[in-house]
Amino acid sequence: MLDMFTQNINPYYLQVANLLGIYIILALGLNLITGVTGQLSFGHAAFMSIGAYTAALLTLKMHLPFALSLLAGGCVACIWGVLIGFPTLRLTGDYLGIATLGFGEIVLVVFTNLQITGGAIGLAGIPRYTNVFVVYLLVAITVYCMYRIQYSRFGRALLAIREDEIAAAAMGINTTIYKVQAFAIGAFFAGLAGGLYAHLLQYLNPNDFGFARSFEILNFVVLGGLGSIPGTILGTVVLTLAPEFLRFIAEYRMMIYGLLLVVMMIFRPNGLLGGVDLSRVIKRYRSKRLERASARSISSS
């Protein structure tokens, strides 16, 4: 059934759709760290690379099933998130950004020099298990998890830390533990996305996970609106598809791409859906519909 569906779609569009889904998972993980908790991280691509190499090596060397390799990739990235989170999350603002940037560069150098990862040449021959069904199933699970987290007591504590960390600590919130937990969850989803990426492209190169990739993911979150789940998804869709739509003017593509970002930041400085709570909008729409329906029933009677 899936084969019949995919055979009727242009492989280029299918590849873009798969990458878009993977980027959405990545961006939602970073949104929890940066958008909801307010911790600036420039090392998200490092967790993606850890998940990607872990999943790929487990599949190649130990012949683990795809699902287990993905889960293991996410778990290893999560463990590194905890290990890095405890010393770095005591920092704030620019210092935290620099520390996470340094972590990303260290991971890049390690993967470039390890023999098991193929070094600078890269790791090839990874079996292609990722397909559009798996990607969007995991996107749906990620969106559900993020909503459950953000609107839980834990999520409200993270928002309190973002708004005023000193006040949150004064109210009895252990800010370090909460920040590390958010960091670990974000890292887990980055590792999961990395595993999907590895089994989609069938080749990994350490240079694919440098600072530029971390900055790209951060752009998705900022453009969509910090802390907004639908905004993060929209930002990812816009910034992933914009370069594809602008291919017919390839020479000016990056210039127009940059101009679009500047214009959006001028007219929507909080992001495309920053400050917009879609759940409240939907509730308001439903209540208005109920009011109209009740008014019609009263007038007809």
C-alpha atoms as a PDB file:
ATOM      1  CA  MET A   1       0.000   0.000   0.000  1.00  0.00           C
ATOM      2  CA  LEU A   2       2.790   2.403   0.981  1.00  0.00           C
ATOM      3  CA  ASP A   3       4.800   1.376  -2.090  1.00  0.00           C
ATOM      4  CA  MET A   4       1.816   2.103  -4.339  1.00  0.00           C
ATOM      5  CA  PHE A   5       1.437   5.513  -2.693  1.00  0.00           C
ATOM      6  CA  THR A   6       5.115   6.458  -2.988  1.00  0.00           C
ATOM      7  CA  GLN A   7       5.476   5.162  -6.563  1.00  0.00           C
ATOM      8  CA  ASN A   8       2.928   7.724  -7.722  1.00  0.00           C
ATOM      9  CA  ILE A   9       4.820  10.658  -6.226  1.00  0.00           C
ATOM     10  CA  ASN A  10       7.854  12.342  -7.741  1.00  0.00           C
ATOM     11  CA  PRO A  11      10.928  11.080  -5.769  1.00  0.00           C
ATOM     12  CA  TYR A  12      12.191  14.661  -5.425  1.00  0.00           C
ATOM     13  CA  TYR A  13       8.947  15.792  -3.735  1.00  0.00           C
ATOM     14  CA  LEU A  14       9.031  12.698  -1.534  1.00  0.00           C
ATOM     15  CA  GLN A  15      12.588  13.459  -0.439  1.00  0.00           C
ATOM     16  CA  VAL A  16      11.677  17.064   0.386  1.00  0.00           C
ATOM     17  CA  ALA A  17       8.609  15.871   2.333  1.00  0.00           C
ATOM     18  CA  ASN A  18      10.745  13.422   4.334  1.00  0.00           C
ATOM     19  CA  LEU A  19      13.366  16.069   5.152  1.00  0.00           C
ATOM     20  CA  LEU A  20      10.614  18.512   6.106  1.00  0.00           C
ATOM     21  CA  GLY A  21       9.184  16.022   8.617  1.00  0.00           C
ATOM     22  CA  ILE A  22      12.647  15.361  10.093  1.00  0.00           C
ATOM     23  CA  TYR A  23      13.292  19.107  10.438  1.00  0.00           C
ATOM     24  CA  ILE A  24       9.919  19.559  12.188  1.00  0.00           C
ATOM     25  CA  ILE A  25      10.917  16.970  14.824  1.00  0.00           C
ATOM     26  CA  LEU A  26      14.285  18.710  15.256  1.00  0.00           C
ATOM     27  CA  ALA A  27      12.744  22.173  15.522  1.00  0.00           C
ATOM     28  CA  LEU A  28      10.105  21.074  18.033  1.00  0.00           C
ATOM     29  CA  GLY A  29      12.865  19.664  20.261  1.00  0.00           C
ATOM     30  CA  LEU A  30      14.742  22.964  20.105  1.00  0.00           C
ATOM     31  CA  ASN A  31      11.517  24.898  20.684  1.00  0.00           C
ATOM     32  CA  LEU A  32      11.160  23.152  24.053  1.00  0.00           C
ATOM     33  CA  ILE A  33      14.697  24.206  25.015  1.00  0.00           C
ATOM     34  CA  THR A  34      14.833  27.710  23.573  1.00  0.00           C
ATOM     35  CA  GLY A  35      11.214  28.719  23.006  1.00  0.00           C
ATOM     36  CA  VAL A  36       9.560  27.306  26.131  1.00  0.00           C
ATOM     37  CA  THR A  37      12.438  27.220  28.644  1.00  0.00           C
ATOM     38  CA  GLY A  38      14.301  30.241  27.269  1.00  0.00           C
ATOM     39  CA  GLN A  39      17.733  28.549  27.065  1.00  0.00           C
ATOM     40  CA  LEU A  40      19.780  29.652  24.053  1.00  0.00           C
ATOM     41  CA  SER A  41      21.335  26.575  22.427  1.00  0.00           C
ATOM     42  CA  PHE A  42      23.637  26.572  19.390  1.00  0.00           C
ATOM     43  CA  GLY A  43      24.493  22.876  19.692  1.00  0.00           C
ATOM     44  CA  HIS A  44      21.286  21.169  18.600  1.00  0.00           C
ATOM     45  CA  ALA A  45      22.910  19.704  15.480  1.00  0.00           C
ATOM     46  CA  ALA A  46      25.404  17.912  17.752  1.00  0.00           C
ATOM     47  CA  PHE A  47      22.579  15.890  19.347  1.00  0.00           C
ATOM     48  CA  MET A  48      21.242  15.171  15.873  1.00  0.00           C
ATOM     49  CA  SER A  49      24.651  13.845  14.832  1.00  0.00           C
ATOM     50  CA  ILE A  50      24.934  11.671  17.967  1.00  0.00           C
ATOM     51  CA  GLY A  51      21.533  10.105  17.214  1.00  0.00           C
ATOM     52  CA  ALA A  52      22.369   9.725  13.524  1.00  0.00           C
ATOM     53  CA  TYR A  53      25.711   7.956  14.050  1.00  0.00           C
ATOM     54  CA  THR A  54      24.392   5.803  16.905  1.00  0.00           C
ATOM     55  CA  ALA A  55      21.389   4.580  14.894  1.00  0.00           C
ATOM     56  CA  ALA A  56      23.464   4.050  11.738  1.00  0.00           C
ATOM     57  CA  LEU A  57      26.246   2.105  13.524  1.00  0.00           C
ATOM     58  CA  LEU A  58      23.781  -0.070  15.429  1.00  0.00           C
ATOM     59  CA  THR A  59      22.052  -0.964  12.166  1.00  0.00           C
ATOM     60  CA  LEU A  60      25.307  -1.511  10.245  1.00  0.00           C
ATOM     61  CA  LYS A  61      27.492  -3.236  12.844  1.00  0.00           C
ATOM     62  CA  MET A  62      25.015  -4.968  15.155  1.00  0.00           C
ATOM     63  CA  HIS A  63      22.121  -5.413  12.700  1.00  0.00           C
ATOM     64  CA  LEU A  64      19.587  -4.095  15.186  1.00  0.00           C
ATOM     65  CA  PRO A  65      16.039  -3.500  13.900  1.00  0.00           C
ATOM     66  CA  PHE A  66      15.369   0.010  12.611  1.00  0.00           C
ATOM     67  CA  ALA A  67      12.948   0.923  15.413  1.00  0.00           C
ATOM     68  CA  LEU A  68      15.416  -0.121  18.136  1.00  0.00           C
ATOM     69  CA  SER A  69      18.262   1.772  16.434  1.00  0.00           C
ATOM     70  CA  LEU A  70      16.145   4.923  16.276  1.00  0.00           C
ATOM     71  CA  LEU A  71      15.196   4.618  19.933  1.00  0.00           C
ATOM     72  CA  ALA A  72      18.806   3.965  20.925  1.00  0.00           C
ATOM     73  CA  GLY A  73      19.933   7.028  18.943  1.00  0.00           C
ATOM     74  CA  GLY A  74      17.414   9.181  20.799  1.00  0.00           C
ATOM     75  CA  CYS A  75      18.392   7.715  24.186  1.00  0.00           C
ATOM     76  CA  VAL A  76      22.146   8.227  23.643  1.00  0.00           C
ATOM     77  CA  ALA A  77      21.504  11.851  22.582  1.00  0.00           C
ATOM     78  CA  CYS A  78      19.319  12.261  25.677  1.00  0.00           C
ATOM     79  CA  ILE A  79      22.114  10.950  27.948  1.00  0.00           C
ATOM     80  CA  TRP A  80      24.546  13.432  26.395  1.00  0.00           C
ATOM     81  CA  GLY A  81      21.935  16.131  26.892  1.00  0.00           C
ATOM     82  CA  VAL A  82      21.913  15.377  30.626  1.00  0.00           C
ATOM     83  CA  LEU A  83      25.732  15.174  30.825  1.00  0.00           C
ATOM     84  CA  ILE A  84      26.153  18.501  29.033  1.00  0.00           C
ATOM     85  CA  GLY A  85      23.125  20.091  30.631  1.00  0.00           C
ATOM     86  CA  PHE A  86      24.283  19.939  34.268  1.00  0.00           C
ATOM     87  CA  PRO A  87      27.494  21.975  33.848  1.00  0.00           C
ATOM     88  CA  THR A  88      26.300  24.329  31.090  1.00  0.00           C
ATOM     89  CA  LEU A  89      22.751  25.158  32.138  1.00  0.00           C
ATOM     90  CA  ARG A  90      24.006  27.042  35.165  1.00  0.00           C
ATOM     91  CA  LEU A  91      25.113  29.614  32.607  1.00  0.00           C
ATOM     92  CA  THR A  92      22.678  32.051  31.046  1.00  0.00           C
ATOM     93  CA  GLY A  93      22.275  34.066  27.843  1.00  0.00           C
ATOM     94  CA  ASP A  94      25.322  34.464  25.611  1.00  0.00           C
ATOM     95  CA  TYR A  95      27.554  32.321  27.845  1.00  0.00           C
ATOM     96  CA  LEU A  96      25.201  29.348  27.503  1.00  0.00           C
ATOM     97  CA  GLY A  97      25.077  29.881  23.725  1.00  0.00           C
ATOM     98  CA  ILE A  98      28.894  29.869  23.534  1.00  0.00           C
ATOM     99  CA  ALA A  99      29.133  26.730  25.707  1.00  0.00           C
ATOM    100  CA  THR A 100      26.639  24.806  23.550  1.00  0.00           C
ATOM    101  CA  LEU A 101      28.413  26.048  20.424  1.00  0.00           C
ATOM    102  CA  GLY A 102      31.669  24.668  21.834  1.00  0.00           C
ATOM    103  CA  PHE A 103      30.010  21.320  22.545  1.00  0.00           C
ATOM    104  CA  GLY A 104      28.790  21.169  18.948  1.00  0.00           C
ATOM    105  CA  GLU A 105      32.279  21.826  17.608  1.00  0.00           C
ATOM    106  CA  ILE A 106      33.825  19.177  19.914  1.00  0.00           C
ATOM    107  CA  VAL A 107      31.330  16.559  18.698  1.00  0.00           C
ATOM    108  CA  LEU A 108      32.102  17.539  15.099  1.00  0.00           C
ATOM    109  CA  VAL A 109      35.852  17.086  15.639  1.00  0.00           C
ATOM    110  CA  VAL A 110      35.358  13.732  17.410  1.00  0.00           C
ATOM    111  CA  PHE A 111      33.232  12.300  14.600  1.00  0.00           C
ATOM    112  CA  THR A 112      35.717  13.628  12.030  1.00  0.00           C
ATOM    113  CA  ASN A 113      38.582  11.741  13.684  1.00  0.00           C
ATOM    114  CA  LEU A 114      36.917   8.490  14.733  1.00  0.00           C
ATOM    115  CA  GLN A 115      37.656   5.480  12.551  1.00  0.00           C
ATOM    116  CA  ILE A 116      34.346   3.762  13.255  1.00  0.00           C
ATOM    117  CA  THR A 117      32.381   6.742  11.890  1.00  0.00           C
ATOM    118  CA  GLY A 118      34.419   6.822   8.684  1.00  0.00           C
ATOM    119  CA  GLY A 119      36.254   9.989   9.707  1.00  0.00           C
ATOM    120  CA  ALA A 120      36.202  12.927   7.296  1.00  0.00           C
ATOM    121  CA  ILE A 121      35.226  10.598   4.420  1.00  0.00           C
ATOM    122  CA  GLY A 122      31.934   9.823   6.117  1.00  0.00           C
ATOM    123  CA  LEU A 123      29.876   6.733   6.829  1.00  0.00           C
ATOM    124  CA  ALA A 124      28.298   5.104   3.773  1.00  0.00           C
ATOM    125  CA  GLY A 125      26.161   2.040   3.083  1.00  0.00           C
ATOM    126  CA  ILE A 126      23.485   2.788   5.670  1.00  0.00           C
ATOM    127  CA  PRO A 127      20.294   0.921   4.714  1.00  0.00           C
ATOM    128  CA  ARG A 128      17.338   3.082   3.717  1.00  0.00           C
ATOM    129  CA  TYR A 129      14.557   2.334   6.184  1.00  0.00           C
ATOM    130  CA  THR A 130      13.116   5.830   6.605  1.00  0.00           C
ATOM    131  CA  ASN A 131       9.942   6.442   4.651  1.00  0.00           C
ATOM    132  CA  VAL A 132       7.240   9.075   4.646  1.00  0.00           C
ATOM    133  CA  PHE A 133       4.901   6.985   6.821  1.00  0.00           C
ATOM    134  CA  VAL A 134       7.492   6.530   9.600  1.00  0.00           C
ATOM    135  CA  VAL A 135       8.554  10.190   9.440  1.00  0.00           C
ATOM    136  CA  TYR A 136       5.047  11.634   9.753  1.00  0.00           C
ATOM    137  CA  LEU A 137       3.998   9.087  12.371  1.00  0.00           C
ATOM    138  CA  LEU A 138       6.920  10.324  14.487  1.00  0.00           C
ATOM    139  CA  VAL A 139       6.013  13.946  13.671  1.00  0.00           C
ATOM    140  CA  ALA A 140       2.500  13.307  15.016  1.00  0.00           C
ATOM    141  CA  ILE A 141       3.887  11.627  18.164  1.00  0.00           C
ATOM    142  CA  THR A 142       6.333  14.516  18.679  1.00  0.00           C
ATOM    143  CA  VAL A 143       3.593  17.160  18.316  1.00  0.00           C
ATOM    144  CA  TYR A 144       1.385  15.239  20.777  1.00  0.00           C
ATOM    145  CA  CYS A 145       4.242  14.907  23.294  1.00  0.00           C
ATOM    146  CA  MET A 146       5.125  18.600  22.992  1.00  0.00           C
ATOM    147  CA  TYR A 147       1.515  19.665  23.609  1.00  0.00           C
ATOM    148  CA  ARG A 148       1.275  17.344  26.621  1.00  0.00           C
ATOM    149  CA  ILE A 149       4.543  18.701  28.008  1.00  0.00           C
ATOM    150  CA  GLN A 150       3.855  22.382  27.336  1.00  0.00           C
ATOM    151  CA  TYR A 151       0.386  22.378  28.914  1.00  0.00           C
ATOM    152  CA  SER A 152       1.359  20.258  31.930  1.00  0.00           C
ATOM    153  CA  ARG A 153       2.577  21.421  35.334  1.00  0.00           C
ATOM    154  CA  PHE A 154       6.112  20.697  34.140  1.00  0.00           C
ATOM    155  CA  GLY A 155       5.585  22.893  31.067  1.00  0.00           C
ATOM    156  CA  ARG A 156       4.197  25.756  33.152  1.00  0.00           C
ATOM    157  CA  ALA A 157       7.290  25.552  35.362  1.00  0.00           C
ATOM    158  CA  LEU A 158       9.470  25.809  32.244  1.00  0.00           C
ATOM    159  CA  LEU A 159       7.520  28.880  31.114  1.00  0.00           C
ATOM    160  CA  ALA A 160       7.990  30.408  34.563  1.00  0.00           C
ATOM    161  CA  ILE A 161      11.761  29.855  34.255  1.00  0.00           C
ATOM    162  CA  ARG A 162      11.728  31.512  30.842  1.00  0.00           C
ATOM    163  CA  GLU A 163       9.862  34.569  32.102  1.00  0.00           C
ATOM    164  CA  ASP A 164      11.857  35.095  35.308  1.00  0.00           C
ATOM    165  CA  GLU A 165      14.260  32.444  36.570  1.00  0.00           C
ATOM    166  CA  ILE A 166      14.886  34.151  39.927  1.00  0.00           C
ATOM    167  CA  ALA A 167      11.158  34.483  40.631  1.00  0.00           C
ATOM    168  CA  ALA A 168      10.605  30.843  39.577  1.00  0.00           C
ATOM    169  CA  ALA A 169      13.332  29.693  41.994  1.00  0.00           C
ATOM    170  CA  ALA A 170      11.777  31.823  44.734  1.00  0.00           C
ATOM    171  CA  MET A 171       8.479  29.980  44.159  1.00  0.00           C
ATOM    172  CA  GLY A 172      10.198  26.640  44.897  1.00  0.00           C
ATOM    173  CA  ILE A 173      11.012  25.479  41.359  1.00  0.00           C
ATOM    174  CA  ASN A 174      14.366  23.690  41.096  1.00  0.00           C
ATOM    175  CA  THR A 175      15.388  25.581  37.983  1.00  0.00           C
ATOM    176  CA  THR A 176      18.529  23.548  37.222  1.00  0.00           C
ATOM    177  CA  ILE A 177      16.697  20.210  37.294  1.00  0.00           C
ATOM    178  CA  TYR A 178      13.838  21.524  35.164  1.00  0.00           C
ATOM    179  CA  LYS A 179      16.224  23.040  32.608  1.00  0.00           C
ATOM    180  CA  VAL A 180      18.248  19.812  32.386  1.00  0.00           C
ATOM    181  CA  GLN A 181      15.063  17.798  31.897  1.00  0.00           C
ATOM    182  CA  ALA A 182      13.923  20.111  29.085  1.00  0.00           C
ATOM    183  CA  PHE A 183      17.410  19.917  27.542  1.00  0.00           C
ATOM    184  CA  ALA A 184      17.378  16.095  27.710  1.00  0.00           C
ATOM    185  CA  ILE A 185      13.918  15.844  26.118  1.00  0.00           C
ATOM    186  CA  GLY A 186      14.936  18.219  23.309  1.00  0.00           C
ATOM    187  CA  ALA A 187      18.134  16.216  22.779  1.00  0.00           C
ATOM    188  CA  PHE A 188      16.143  12.959  22.629  1.00  0.00           C
ATOM    189  CA  PHE A 189      13.974  14.247  19.784  1.00  0.00           C
ATOM    190  CA  ALA A 190      17.074  15.612  18.012  1.00  0.00           C
ATOM    191  CA  GLY A 191      18.648  12.128  18.247  1.00  0.00           C
ATOM    192  CA  LEU A 192      15.455  10.567  16.911  1.00  0.00           C
ATOM    193  CA  ALA A 193      15.477  12.964  13.956  1.00  0.00           C
ATOM    194  CA  GLY A 194      19.169  12.165  13.405  1.00  0.00           C
ATOM    195  CA  GLY A 195      18.400   8.450  13.150  1.00  0.00           C
ATOM    196  CA  LEU A 196      15.697   9.148  10.570  1.00  0.00           C
ATOM    197  CA  TYR A 197      18.114  11.399   8.663  1.00  0.00           C
ATOM    198  CA  ALA A 198      20.810   8.700   8.587  1.00  0.00           C
ATOM    199  CA  HIS A 199      18.443   6.037   7.267  1.00  0.00           C
ATOM    200  CA  LEU A 200      17.001   8.441   4.695  1.00  0.00           C
ATOM    201  CA  LEU A 201      20.206   9.755   3.076  1.00  0.00           C
ATOM    202  CA  GLN A 202      22.160   6.475   3.603  1.00  0.00           C
ATOM    203  CA  TYR A 203      25.329   8.505   4.103  1.00  0.00           C
ATOM    204  CA  LEU A 204      26.628  10.623   6.987  1.00  0.00           C
ATOM    205  CA  ASN A 205      29.345  13.250   6.920  1.00  0.00           C
ATOM    206  CA  PRO A 206      30.379  15.155  10.076  1.00  0.00           C
ATOM    207  CA  ASN A 207      30.270  18.461   8.171  1.00  0.00           C
ATOM    208  CA  ASP A 208      26.496  18.061   7.776  1.00  0.00           C
ATOM    209  CA  PHE A 209      26.133  18.709  11.509  1.00  0.00           C
ATOM    210  CA  GLY A 210      28.138  21.887  11.953  1.00  0.00           C
ATOM    211  CA  PHE A 211      27.181  25.300  13.272  1.00  0.00           C
ATOM    212  CA  ALA A 212      25.241  26.124  10.088  1.00  0.00           C
ATOM    213  CA  ARG A 213      22.796  23.277  10.749  1.00  0.00           C
ATOM    214  CA  SER A 214      22.250  24.403  14.374  1.00  0.00           C
ATOM    215  CA  PHE A 215      21.680  27.971  13.171  1.00  0.00           C
ATOM    216  CA  GLU A 216      19.227  26.732  10.544  1.00  0.00           C
ATOM    217  CA  ILE A 217      17.153  24.895  13.161  1.00  0.00           C
ATOM    218  CA  LEU A 218      17.203  27.964  15.413  1.00  0.00           C
ATOM    219  CA  ASN A 219      15.897  30.025  12.474  1.00  0.00           C
ATOM    220  CA  PHE A 220      12.914  27.671  12.142  1.00  0.00           C
ATOM    221  CA  VAL A 221      11.965  28.262  15.780  1.00  0.00           C
ATOM    222  CA  VAL A 222      12.554  32.030  15.821  1.00  0.00           C
ATOM    223  CA  LEU A 223      10.694  32.674  12.566  1.00  0.00           C
ATOM    224  CA  GLY A 224       7.685  30.605  13.662  1.00  0.00           C
ATOM    225  CA  GLY A 225       7.520  32.212  17.107  1.00  0.00           C
ATOM    226  CA  LEU A 226       9.393  31.200  20.241  1.00  0.00           C
ATOM    227  CA  GLY A 227       7.342  28.825  22.384  1.00  0.00           C
ATOM    228  CA  SER A 228       4.656  28.259  19.745  1.00  0.00           C
ATOM    229  CA  ILE A 229       4.260  24.669  18.512  1.00  0.00           C
ATOM    230  CA  PRO A 230       2.194  25.534  15.389  1.00  0.00           C
ATOM    231  CA  GLY A 231       4.531  28.496  14.815  1.00  0.00           C
ATOM    232  CA  THR A 232       7.573  26.227  14.908  1.00  0.00           C
ATOM    233  CA  ILE A 233       5.958  23.891  12.380  1.00  0.00           C
ATOM    234  CA  LEU A 234       5.005  26.831  10.132  1.00  0.00           C
ATOM    235  CA  GLY A 235       8.482  28.360  10.389  1.00  0.00           C
ATOM    236  CA  THR A 236      10.054  25.040   9.449  1.00  0.00           C
ATOM    237  CA  VAL A 237       7.731  24.605   6.475  1.00  0.00           C
ATOM    238  CA  VAL A 238       8.395  28.148   5.195  1.00  0.00           C
ATOM    239  CA  LEU A 239      12.179  28.034   5.547  1.00  0.00           C
ATOM    240  CA  THR A 240      12.485  24.485   4.194  1.00  0.00           C
ATOM    241  CA  LEU A 241      10.290  25.040   1.155  1.00  0.00           C
ATOM    242  CA  ALA A 242      11.354  28.630   0.331  1.00  0.00           C
ATOM    243  CA  PRO A 243      14.767  27.616  -1.114  1.00  0.00           C
ATOM    244  CA  GLU A 244      13.052  24.889  -3.160  1.00  0.00           C
ATOM    245  CA  PHE A 245      10.499  27.318  -4.645  1.00  0.00           C
ATOM    246  CA  LEU A 246      13.260  29.817  -5.418  1.00  0.00           C
ATOM    247  CA  ARG A 247      15.363  27.358  -7.416  1.00  0.00           C
ATOM    248  CA  PHE A 248      14.198  28.886 -10.717  1.00  0.00           C
ATOM    249  CA  ILE A 249      16.190  32.006  -9.791  1.00  0.00           C
ATOM    250  CA  ALA A 250      19.117  30.087  -8.319  1.00  0.00           C
ATOM    251  CA  GLU A 251      21.566  33.005  -8.643  1.00  0.00           C
ATOM    252  CA  TYR A 252      19.479  35.292  -6.450  1.00  0.00           C
ATOM    253  CA  ARG A 253      17.958  32.596  -4.250  1.00  0.00           C
ATOM    254  CA  MET A 254      19.971  33.235  -1.088  1.00  0.00           C
ATOM    255  CA  MET A 255      19.600  37.011  -1.466  1.00  0.00           C
ATOM    256  CA  ILE A 256      15.781  36.754  -1.697  1.00  0.00           C
ATOM    257  CA  TYR A 257      15.761  34.200   1.101  1.00  0.00           C
ATOM    258  CA  GLY A 258      17.636  36.630   3.373  1.00  0.00           C
ATOM    259  CA  LEU A 259      15.393  39.528   2.325  1.00  0.00           C
ATOM    260  CA  LEU A 260      12.282  37.507   3.195  1.00  0.00           C
ATOM    261  CA  LEU A 261      13.693  36.835   6.663  1.00  0.00           C
ATOM    262  CA  VAL A 262      14.428  40.530   7.231  1.00  0.00           C
ATOM    263  CA  VAL A 263      10.942  41.588   6.079  1.00  0.00           C
ATOM    264  CA  MET A 264       9.272  38.998   8.297  1.00  0.00           C
ATOM    265  CA  MET A 265      11.319  40.043  11.309  1.00  0.00           C
ATOM    266  CA  ILE A 266      10.355  43.711  10.725  1.00  0.00           C
ATOM    267  CA  PHE A 267       6.605  43.081  10.439  1.00  0.00           C
ATOM    268  CA  ARG A 268       6.390  40.066  12.776  1.00  0.00           C
ATOM    269  CA  PRO A 269       9.226  40.480  15.310  1.00  0.00           C
ATOM    270  CA  ASN A 270       7.701  37.788  17.555  1.00  0.00           C
ATOM    271  CA  GLY A 271       7.601  35.294  14.702  1.00  0.00           C
ATOM    272  CA  LEU A 272       4.789  34.270  12.370  1.00  0.00           C
ATOM    273  CA  LEU A 273       2.630  32.810  15.149  1.00  0.00           C
ATOM    274  CA  GLY A 274       4.403  34.275  18.177  1.00  0.00           C
ATOM    275  CA  GLY A 275       1.893  35.140  20.911  1.00  0.00           C
ATOM    276  CA  VAL A 276      -0.923  33.315  19.087  1.00  0.00           C
ATOM    277  CA  ASP A 277      -2.484  30.517  21.147  1.00  0.00           C
ATOM    278  CA  LEU A 278      -4.274  28.331  18.608  1.00  0.00           C
ATOM    279  CA  SER A 279      -6.074  26.299  21.300  1.00  0.00           C
ATOM    280  CA  ARG A 280      -7.718  29.499  22.602  1.00  0.00           C
ATOM    281  CA  VAL A 281      -8.598  30.579  19.064  1.00  0.00           C
ATOM    282  CA  ILE A 282     -10.252  27.192  18.415  1.00  0.00           C
ATOM    283  CA  LYS A 283     -12.122  27.333  21.754  1.00  0.00           C
ATOM    284  CA  ARG A 284     -13.346  30.857  20.986  1.00  0.00           C
ATOM    285  CA  TYR A 285     -14.512  29.741  17.533  1.00  0.00           C
ATOM    286  CA  ARG A 286     -16.355  26.762  18.998  1.00  0.00           C
ATOM    287  CA  SER A 287     -18.046  28.868  21.692  1.00  0.00           C
ATOM    288  CA  LYS A 288     -19.205  31.369  19.034  1.00  0.00           C
ATOM    289  CA  ARG A 289     -20.607  28.525  16.951  1.00  0.00           C
ATOM    290  CA  LEU A 290     -22.489  27.190  19.976  1.00  0.00           C
ATOM    291  CA  GLU A 291     -23.855  30.668  20.726  1.00  0.00           C
ATOM    292  CA  ARG A 292     -25.089  31.052  17.133  1.00  0.00           C
ATOM    293  CA  ALA A 293     -26.652  27.572  17.165  1.00  0.00           C
ATOM    294  CA  SER A 294     -28.463  28.260  20.442  1.00  0.00           C
ATOM    295  CA  ALA A 295     -29.636  31.661  19.139  1.00  0.00           C
ATOM    296  CA  ARG A 296     -31.039  30.007  15.983  1.00  0.00           C
ATOM    297  CA  SER A 297     -32.843  27.332  17.990  1.00  0.00           C
ATOM    298  CA  ILE A 298     -34.430  30.002  20.255  1.00  0.00           C
ATOM    299  CA  SER A 299     -35.554  32.108  17.282  1.00  0.00           C
ATOM    300  CA  SER A 300     -37.015  29.077  15.458  1.00  0.00           C
ATOM    301  CA  SER A 301     -38.946  27.974  18.547  1.00  0.00           C
END
